[in-house]
Amino acid sequence: MRNKTFLKNILIFCSYFIYTYLALILLTIPLTLLNIDIVETSDLFKYIIILLMDIIYIVFLIITFYKPLKEKIKDFKSNFSKYIDIGIKYWILGLFIMVVSNKVITIFTSVEMAQNESAVRELFTEAPIYTLLGTVLFAPIVEEIIFRKTIKNLINTKWLYIIFSGFIFGAVHVVSNLNAFYDLLFIIPYGALGAAFACAYYKTNNIFVPIVLHAIHNGILIAILFFI
């Protein structure tokens, strides 16, 4: 039973890195039958397709973890104030490390900001509604289930889990938009935030705590973009 649970979490973790391609295939088949070339469609249509792929993956994760998620949402409601208080303390610490390390990196390199942040700003300019949904709804749910829940199910040693969860979280946000070797330094600030979310999850044992914190964090960043 333990081996099956371990394998299940490994497969779900890996699914994060391949779901885009699988969902694209599933959505492309009916479009092909309708003689619709997705490459030639409008940007709006493409963003709708991407949003559908995101929804498919969220539904998959919710169905997969339906029972524990149902139990944890009840626990989250019952202990809302306590959990949020704990979570905010870790988030502020992670945010402080993130801001300081970002500043140090920009001072000692020629990079003004992480490529991931630059990509989000560009996407926000092109598709603000999709960016809002993607960063405030989709990313918090998916990334916290993948980088916090599944990893904790695989690694239950506190500091090993926190470090690994933070590192993987940071690496994914950096490597996907890598332009130069020193861009890897931004794994530190993103990793610090990921580690803070991991601490909040480990402390409360409730995945909705980092999901809410992640949503708040991204929501604030998107709100700031309105005034830039």
C-alpha atoms as a PDB file:
ATOM      1  CA  MET A   1       0.000   0.000   0.000  1.00  0.00           C
ATOM      2  CA  ARG A   2       2.839   2.375   0.885  1.00  0.00           C
ATOM      3  CA  ASN A   3       4.583   1.609  -2.416  1.00  0.00           C
ATOM      4  CA  LYS A   4       1.363   2.368  -4.318  1.00  0.00           C
ATOM      5  CA  THR A   5       0.956   5.693  -2.500  1.00  0.00           C
ATOM      6  CA  PHE A   6       4.588   6.589  -3.191  1.00  0.00           C
ATOM      7  CA  LEU A   7       4.232   5.733  -6.881  1.00  0.00           C
ATOM      8  CA  LYS A   8       0.957   7.673  -7.089  1.00  0.00           C
ATOM      9  CA  ASN A   9       2.583  10.841  -5.755  1.00  0.00           C
ATOM     10  CA  ILE A  10       5.590  10.426  -8.040  1.00  0.00           C
ATOM     11  CA  LEU A  11       3.299  10.144 -11.063  1.00  0.00           C
ATOM     12  CA  ILE A  12       1.208  13.145  -9.999  1.00  0.00           C
ATOM     13  CA  PHE A  13       4.352  15.211  -9.413  1.00  0.00           C
ATOM     14  CA  CYS A  14       5.647  14.266 -12.874  1.00  0.00           C
ATOM     15  CA  SER A  15       2.247  15.013 -14.422  1.00  0.00           C
ATOM     16  CA  TYR A  16       2.838  18.717 -13.764  1.00  0.00           C
ATOM     17  CA  PHE A  17       5.650  18.725 -16.315  1.00  0.00           C
ATOM     18  CA  ILE A  18       3.732  16.905 -19.062  1.00  0.00           C
ATOM     19  CA  TYR A  19       0.102  17.934 -18.603  1.00  0.00           C
ATOM     20  CA  THR A  20       0.393  20.856 -21.046  1.00  0.00           C
ATOM     21  CA  TYR A  21       1.364  18.527 -23.867  1.00  0.00           C
ATOM     22  CA  LEU A  22      -1.270  15.932 -23.002  1.00  0.00           C
ATOM     23  CA  ALA A  23      -4.032  18.523 -22.659  1.00  0.00           C
ATOM     24  CA  LEU A  24      -2.957  20.167 -25.922  1.00  0.00           C
ATOM     25  CA  ILE A  25      -3.293  16.816 -27.708  1.00  0.00           C
ATOM     26  CA  LEU A  26      -6.736  16.219 -26.195  1.00  0.00           C
ATOM     27  CA  LEU A  27      -7.936  19.668 -27.250  1.00  0.00           C
ATOM     28  CA  THR A  28      -6.242  19.601 -30.667  1.00  0.00           C
ATOM     29  CA  ILE A  29      -8.016  16.413 -31.796  1.00  0.00           C
ATOM     30  CA  PRO A  30     -11.542  17.925 -31.864  1.00  0.00           C
ATOM     31  CA  LEU A  31     -10.171  21.156 -33.379  1.00  0.00           C
ATOM     32  CA  THR A  32      -8.494  19.154 -36.141  1.00  0.00           C
ATOM     33  CA  LEU A  33     -11.749  17.313 -36.832  1.00  0.00           C
ATOM     34  CA  LEU A  34     -13.384  20.738 -37.198  1.00  0.00           C
ATOM     35  CA  ASN A  35     -10.593  21.835 -39.579  1.00  0.00           C
ATOM     36  CA  ILE A  36      -9.378  24.504 -37.157  1.00  0.00           C
ATOM     37  CA  ASP A  37      -5.634  25.230 -37.177  1.00  0.00           C
ATOM     38  CA  ILE A  38      -4.743  26.431 -33.679  1.00  0.00           C
ATOM     39  CA  VAL A  39      -1.561  28.104 -34.988  1.00  0.00           C
ATOM     40  CA  GLU A  40      -3.600  30.361 -37.257  1.00  0.00           C
ATOM     41  CA  THR A  41      -6.197  31.301 -34.651  1.00  0.00           C
ATOM     42  CA  SER A  42      -6.361  34.612 -32.765  1.00  0.00           C
ATOM     43  CA  ASP A  43      -4.447  35.251 -29.552  1.00  0.00           C
ATOM     44  CA  LEU A  44      -7.754  35.353 -27.665  1.00  0.00           C
ATOM     45  CA  PHE A  45      -8.654  31.876 -28.903  1.00  0.00           C
ATOM     46  CA  LYS A  46      -5.211  30.569 -27.903  1.00  0.00           C
ATOM     47  CA  TYR A  47      -5.572  31.948 -24.376  1.00  0.00           C
ATOM     48  CA  ILE A  48      -9.003  30.334 -24.123  1.00  0.00           C
ATOM     49  CA  ILE A  49      -7.448  27.003 -25.140  1.00  0.00           C
ATOM     50  CA  ILE A  50      -4.695  27.418 -22.536  1.00  0.00           C
ATOM     51  CA  LEU A  51      -7.320  28.272 -19.904  1.00  0.00           C
ATOM     52  CA  LEU A  52      -9.231  25.102 -20.797  1.00  0.00           C
ATOM     53  CA  MET A  53      -6.040  23.074 -20.380  1.00  0.00           C
ATOM     54  CA  ASP A  54      -5.504  24.647 -16.971  1.00  0.00           C
ATOM     55  CA  ILE A  55      -9.072  23.825 -15.934  1.00  0.00           C
ATOM     56  CA  ILE A  56      -8.667  20.211 -17.077  1.00  0.00           C
ATOM     57  CA  TYR A  57      -5.557  19.836 -14.932  1.00  0.00           C
ATOM     58  CA  ILE A  58      -7.114  21.442 -11.856  1.00  0.00           C
ATOM     59  CA  VAL A  59     -10.107  19.112 -12.161  1.00  0.00           C
ATOM     60  CA  PHE A  60      -7.729  16.163 -12.451  1.00  0.00           C
ATOM     61  CA  LEU A  61      -5.898  17.172  -9.253  1.00  0.00           C
ATOM     62  CA  ILE A  62      -9.122  17.823  -7.328  1.00  0.00           C
ATOM     63  CA  ILE A  63     -10.547  14.428  -8.334  1.00  0.00           C
ATOM     64  CA  THR A  64      -7.265  12.714  -7.445  1.00  0.00           C
ATOM     65  CA  PHE A  65      -7.090  14.297  -3.979  1.00  0.00           C
ATOM     66  CA  TYR A  66     -10.812  14.777  -3.449  1.00  0.00           C
ATOM     67  CA  LYS A  67     -11.106  13.013  -0.089  1.00  0.00           C
ATOM     68  CA  PRO A  68      -8.114  14.664   1.682  1.00  0.00           C
ATOM     69  CA  LEU A  69      -8.988  18.061   0.174  1.00  0.00           C
ATOM     70  CA  LYS A  70     -12.564  17.753   1.418  1.00  0.00           C
ATOM     71  CA  GLU A  71     -11.320  16.932   4.919  1.00  0.00           C
ATOM     72  CA  LYS A  72      -8.757  19.741   4.938  1.00  0.00           C
ATOM     73  CA  ILE A  73     -11.145  22.430   3.782  1.00  0.00           C
ATOM     74  CA  LYS A  74     -13.346  21.667   6.800  1.00  0.00           C
ATOM     75  CA  ASP A  75     -10.299  21.862   9.054  1.00  0.00           C
ATOM     76  CA  PHE A  76      -9.229  25.118   7.391  1.00  0.00           C
ATOM     77  CA  LYS A  77     -12.615  26.710   8.020  1.00  0.00           C
ATOM     78  CA  SER A  78     -12.592  25.600  11.658  1.00  0.00           C
ATOM     79  CA  ASN A  79      -9.078  26.937  12.312  1.00  0.00           C
ATOM     80  CA  PHE A  80      -9.034  29.830   9.834  1.00  0.00           C
ATOM     81  CA  SER A  81      -7.689  32.560  12.147  1.00  0.00           C
ATOM     82  CA  LYS A  82      -5.050  30.326  13.714  1.00  0.00           C
ATOM     83  CA  TYR A  83      -3.806  28.961  10.390  1.00  0.00           C
ATOM     84  CA  ILE A  84      -3.731  32.333   8.641  1.00  0.00           C
ATOM     85  CA  ASP A  85      -1.818  33.852  11.563  1.00  0.00           C
ATOM     86  CA  ILE A  86       0.794  31.089  11.330  1.00  0.00           C
ATOM     87  CA  GLY A  87       0.921  31.277   7.541  1.00  0.00           C
ATOM     88  CA  ILE A  88       1.343  35.048   7.352  1.00  0.00           C
ATOM     89  CA  LYS A  89       4.337  34.917   9.703  1.00  0.00           C
ATOM     90  CA  TYR A  90       6.113  32.440   7.432  1.00  0.00           C
ATOM     91  CA  TRP A  91       5.069  34.349   4.316  1.00  0.00           C
ATOM     92  CA  ILE A  92       6.458  37.650   5.657  1.00  0.00           C
ATOM     93  CA  LEU A  93       9.759  35.945   6.470  1.00  0.00           C
ATOM     94  CA  GLY A  94       9.911  34.355   3.015  1.00  0.00           C
ATOM     95  CA  LEU A  95       8.949  37.643   1.367  1.00  0.00           C
ATOM     96  CA  PHE A  96      11.682  39.490   3.275  1.00  0.00           C
ATOM     97  CA  ILE A  97      14.335  36.999   2.135  1.00  0.00           C
ATOM     98  CA  MET A  98      12.939  37.147  -1.389  1.00  0.00           C
ATOM     99  CA  VAL A  99      13.107  40.945  -1.584  1.00  0.00           C
ATOM    100  CA  VAL A 100      16.593  41.175  -0.038  1.00  0.00           C
ATOM    101  CA  SER A 101      18.076  38.415  -2.201  1.00  0.00           C
ATOM    102  CA  ASN A 102      16.469  39.919  -5.317  1.00  0.00           C
ATOM    103  CA  LYS A 103      18.066  43.254  -4.479  1.00  0.00           C
ATOM    104  CA  VAL A 104      21.493  41.708  -3.896  1.00  0.00           C
ATOM    105  CA  ILE A 105      21.304  39.799  -7.182  1.00  0.00           C
ATOM    106  CA  THR A 106      20.349  42.899  -9.185  1.00  0.00           C
ATOM    107  CA  ILE A 107      23.183  44.892  -7.577  1.00  0.00           C
ATOM    108  CA  PHE A 108      25.896  42.366  -8.406  1.00  0.00           C
ATOM    109  CA  THR A 109      24.629  41.340 -11.852  1.00  0.00           C
ATOM    110  CA  SER A 110      23.367  43.162 -14.924  1.00  0.00           C
ATOM    111  CA  VAL A 111      19.908  41.639 -14.548  1.00  0.00           C
ATOM    112  CA  GLU A 112      17.135  44.026 -13.485  1.00  0.00           C
ATOM    113  CA  MET A 113      14.583  41.331 -12.623  1.00  0.00           C
ATOM    114  CA  ALA A 114      13.972  37.605 -12.877  1.00  0.00           C
ATOM    115  CA  GLN A 115      12.929  36.444 -16.344  1.00  0.00           C
ATOM    116  CA  ASN A 116       9.825  34.841 -14.843  1.00  0.00           C
ATOM    117  CA  GLU A 117       8.691  38.211 -13.465  1.00  0.00           C
ATOM    118  CA  SER A 118       9.434  39.838 -16.811  1.00  0.00           C
ATOM    119  CA  ALA A 119       7.382  37.152 -18.597  1.00  0.00           C
ATOM    120  CA  VAL A 120       4.434  37.678 -16.222  1.00  0.00           C
ATOM    121  CA  ARG A 121       4.518  41.438 -16.840  1.00  0.00           C
ATOM    122  CA  GLU A 122       4.559  40.908 -20.594  1.00  0.00           C
ATOM    123  CA  LEU A 123       1.722  38.393 -20.401  1.00  0.00           C
ATOM    124  CA  PHE A 124      -0.284  40.781 -18.216  1.00  0.00           C
ATOM    125  CA  THR A 125       0.022  43.449 -20.908  1.00  0.00           C
ATOM    126  CA  GLU A 126      -1.191  41.046 -23.603  1.00  0.00           C
ATOM    127  CA  ALA A 127      -3.857  39.160 -21.641  1.00  0.00           C
ATOM    128  CA  PRO A 128      -4.669  40.743 -18.248  1.00  0.00           C
ATOM    129  CA  ILE A 129      -7.721  38.594 -17.474  1.00  0.00           C
ATOM    130  CA  TYR A 130      -5.942  35.334 -18.271  1.00  0.00           C
ATOM    131  CA  THR A 131      -2.905  36.449 -16.249  1.00  0.00           C
ATOM    132  CA  LEU A 132      -5.142  37.288 -13.293  1.00  0.00           C
ATOM    133  CA  LEU A 133      -6.862  33.905 -13.411  1.00  0.00           C
ATOM    134  CA  GLY A 134      -3.601  32.047 -14.005  1.00  0.00           C
ATOM    135  CA  THR A 135      -1.599  33.658 -11.216  1.00  0.00           C
ATOM    136  CA  VAL A 136      -4.286  34.112  -8.549  1.00  0.00           C
ATOM    137  CA  LEU A 137      -6.357  30.955  -9.089  1.00  0.00           C
ATOM    138  CA  PHE A 138      -4.600  28.341 -11.183  1.00  0.00           C
ATOM    139  CA  ALA A 139      -0.984  28.697  -9.971  1.00  0.00           C
ATOM    140  CA  PRO A 140      -1.747  28.667  -6.215  1.00  0.00           C
ATOM    141  CA  ILE A 141      -3.932  25.561  -6.423  1.00  0.00           C
ATOM    142  CA  VAL A 142      -1.765  23.563  -8.815  1.00  0.00           C
ATOM    143  CA  GLU A 143       1.669  24.582  -7.550  1.00  0.00           C
ATOM    144  CA  GLU A 144       0.818  24.083  -3.885  1.00  0.00           C
ATOM    145  CA  ILE A 145      -0.647  20.636  -4.520  1.00  0.00           C
ATOM    146  CA  ILE A 146       2.357  19.647  -6.648  1.00  0.00           C
ATOM    147  CA  PHE A 147       5.267  21.342  -4.837  1.00  0.00           C
ATOM    148  CA  ARG A 148       3.932  21.130  -1.310  1.00  0.00           C
ATOM    149  CA  LYS A 149       1.450  18.268  -0.965  1.00  0.00           C
ATOM    150  CA  THR A 150       2.936  15.601  -3.250  1.00  0.00           C
ATOM    151  CA  ILE A 151       6.501  16.352  -2.131  1.00  0.00           C
ATOM    152  CA  LYS A 152       5.481  16.166   1.538  1.00  0.00           C
ATOM    153  CA  ASN A 153       3.814  12.833   0.798  1.00  0.00           C
ATOM    154  CA  LEU A 154       7.171  11.682  -0.549  1.00  0.00           C
ATOM    155  CA  ILE A 155       9.497  13.382   1.962  1.00  0.00           C
ATOM    156  CA  ASN A 156       8.258  13.740   5.530  1.00  0.00           C
ATOM    157  CA  THR A 157      11.593  14.737   7.106  1.00  0.00           C
ATOM    158  CA  LYS A 158      10.910  18.367   8.034  1.00  0.00           C
ATOM    159  CA  TRP A 159      13.956  20.309   6.841  1.00  0.00           C
ATOM    160  CA  LEU A 160      14.722  17.996   3.919  1.00  0.00           C
ATOM    161  CA  TYR A 161      11.146  18.487   2.745  1.00  0.00           C
ATOM    162  CA  ILE A 162      11.216  22.273   3.218  1.00  0.00           C
ATOM    163  CA  ILE A 163      14.559  22.700   1.428  1.00  0.00           C
ATOM    164  CA  PHE A 164      13.656  20.369  -1.437  1.00  0.00           C
ATOM    165  CA  SER A 165      10.175  21.856  -1.860  1.00  0.00           C
ATOM    166  CA  GLY A 166      11.588  25.387  -1.905  1.00  0.00           C
ATOM    167  CA  PHE A 167      14.397  24.493  -4.312  1.00  0.00           C
ATOM    168  CA  ILE A 168      12.149  22.709  -6.819  1.00  0.00           C
ATOM    169  CA  PHE A 169       9.627  25.559  -6.639  1.00  0.00           C
ATOM    170  CA  GLY A 170      12.379  28.105  -7.268  1.00  0.00           C
ATOM    171  CA  ALA A 171      14.031  26.080 -10.021  1.00  0.00           C
ATOM    172  CA  VAL A 172      10.778  25.636 -11.966  1.00  0.00           C
ATOM    173  CA  HIS A 173      10.121  29.393 -11.916  1.00  0.00           C
ATOM    174  CA  VAL A 174      13.639  30.176 -13.095  1.00  0.00           C
ATOM    175  CA  VAL A 175      14.643  27.401 -15.507  1.00  0.00           C
ATOM    176  CA  SER A 176      11.473  27.791 -17.581  1.00  0.00           C
ATOM    177  CA  ASN A 177      12.597  31.339 -18.500  1.00  0.00           C
ATOM    178  CA  LEU A 178      16.374  30.933 -18.429  1.00  0.00           C
ATOM    179  CA  ASN A 179      18.392  33.368 -20.580  1.00  0.00           C
ATOM    180  CA  ALA A 180      21.812  33.332 -18.922  1.00  0.00           C
ATOM    181  CA  PHE A 181      23.687  31.250 -16.359  1.00  0.00           C
ATOM    182  CA  TYR A 182      23.444  33.897 -13.640  1.00  0.00           C
ATOM    183  CA  ASP A 183      19.661  33.830 -13.955  1.00  0.00           C
ATOM    184  CA  LEU A 184      19.954  30.683 -11.833  1.00  0.00           C
ATOM    185  CA  LEU A 185      20.667  32.962  -8.873  1.00  0.00           C
ATOM    186  CA  PHE A 186      16.964  33.820  -8.825  1.00  0.00           C
ATOM    187  CA  ILE A 187      16.317  30.306  -7.553  1.00  0.00           C
ATOM    188  CA  ILE A 188      17.241  31.790  -4.155  1.00  0.00           C
ATOM    189  CA  PRO A 189      14.405  34.363  -3.893  1.00  0.00           C
ATOM    190  CA  TYR A 190      11.791  32.095  -5.458  1.00  0.00           C
ATOM    191  CA  GLY A 191      13.061  29.192  -3.390  1.00  0.00           C
ATOM    192  CA  ALA A 192      12.800  31.264  -0.204  1.00  0.00           C
ATOM    193  CA  LEU A 193       9.139  31.952  -0.916  1.00  0.00           C
ATOM    194  CA  GLY A 194       8.525  28.292  -1.721  1.00  0.00           C
ATOM    195  CA  ALA A 195      10.246  27.241   1.496  1.00  0.00           C
ATOM    196  CA  ALA A 196       8.055  29.676   3.459  1.00  0.00           C
ATOM    197  CA  PHE A 197       4.932  28.093   1.969  1.00  0.00           C
ATOM    198  CA  ALA A 198       6.380  24.659   2.789  1.00  0.00           C
ATOM    199  CA  CYS A 199       6.944  25.717   6.419  1.00  0.00           C
ATOM    200  CA  ALA A 200       3.350  26.927   6.661  1.00  0.00           C
ATOM    201  CA  TYR A 201       2.076  23.648   5.260  1.00  0.00           C
ATOM    202  CA  TYR A 202       4.284  21.514   7.508  1.00  0.00           C
ATOM    203  CA  LYS A 203       3.264  23.506  10.584  1.00  0.00           C
ATOM    204  CA  THR A 204      -0.491  23.404   9.928  1.00  0.00           C
ATOM    205  CA  ASN A 205      -0.701  20.177   7.902  1.00  0.00           C
ATOM    206  CA  ASN A 206      -3.363  21.900   5.802  1.00  0.00           C
ATOM    207  CA  ILE A 207      -2.702  22.513   2.098  1.00  0.00           C
ATOM    208  CA  PHE A 208      -5.246  25.346   1.959  1.00  0.00           C
ATOM    209  CA  VAL A 209      -2.945  27.506   4.074  1.00  0.00           C
ATOM    210  CA  PRO A 210      -0.180  27.799   1.423  1.00  0.00           C
ATOM    211  CA  ILE A 211      -2.813  27.921  -1.339  1.00  0.00           C
ATOM    212  CA  VAL A 212      -4.401  31.018   0.228  1.00  0.00           C
ATOM    213  CA  LEU A 213      -1.019  32.609   0.989  1.00  0.00           C
ATOM    214  CA  HIS A 214       0.147  31.952  -2.571  1.00  0.00           C
ATOM    215  CA  ALA A 215      -3.047  33.478  -3.974  1.00  0.00           C
ATOM    216  CA  ILE A 216      -2.663  36.560  -1.761  1.00  0.00           C
ATOM    217  CA  HIS A 217       0.998  36.952  -2.749  1.00  0.00           C
ATOM    218  CA  ASN A 218       0.264  36.704  -6.477  1.00  0.00           C
ATOM    219  CA  GLY A 219      -2.836  38.877  -6.135  1.00  0.00           C
ATOM    220  CA  ILE A 220      -0.761  41.673  -4.608  1.00  0.00           C
ATOM    221  CA  LEU A 221       1.796  41.417  -7.412  1.00  0.00           C
ATOM    222  CA  ILE A 222      -0.931  41.586 -10.068  1.00  0.00           C
ATOM    223  CA  ALA A 223      -2.513  44.578  -8.300  1.00  0.00           C
ATOM    224  CA  ILE A 224       0.864  46.336  -8.381  1.00  0.00           C
ATOM    225  CA  LEU A 225       1.073  45.781 -12.159  1.00  0.00           C
ATOM    226  CA  PHE A 226      -2.061  47.901 -12.584  1.00  0.00           C
ATOM    227  CA  PHE A 227      -0.100  50.916 -11.314  1.00  0.00           C
ATOM    228  CA  ILE A 228       3.186  50.336 -13.150  1.00  0.00           C
END
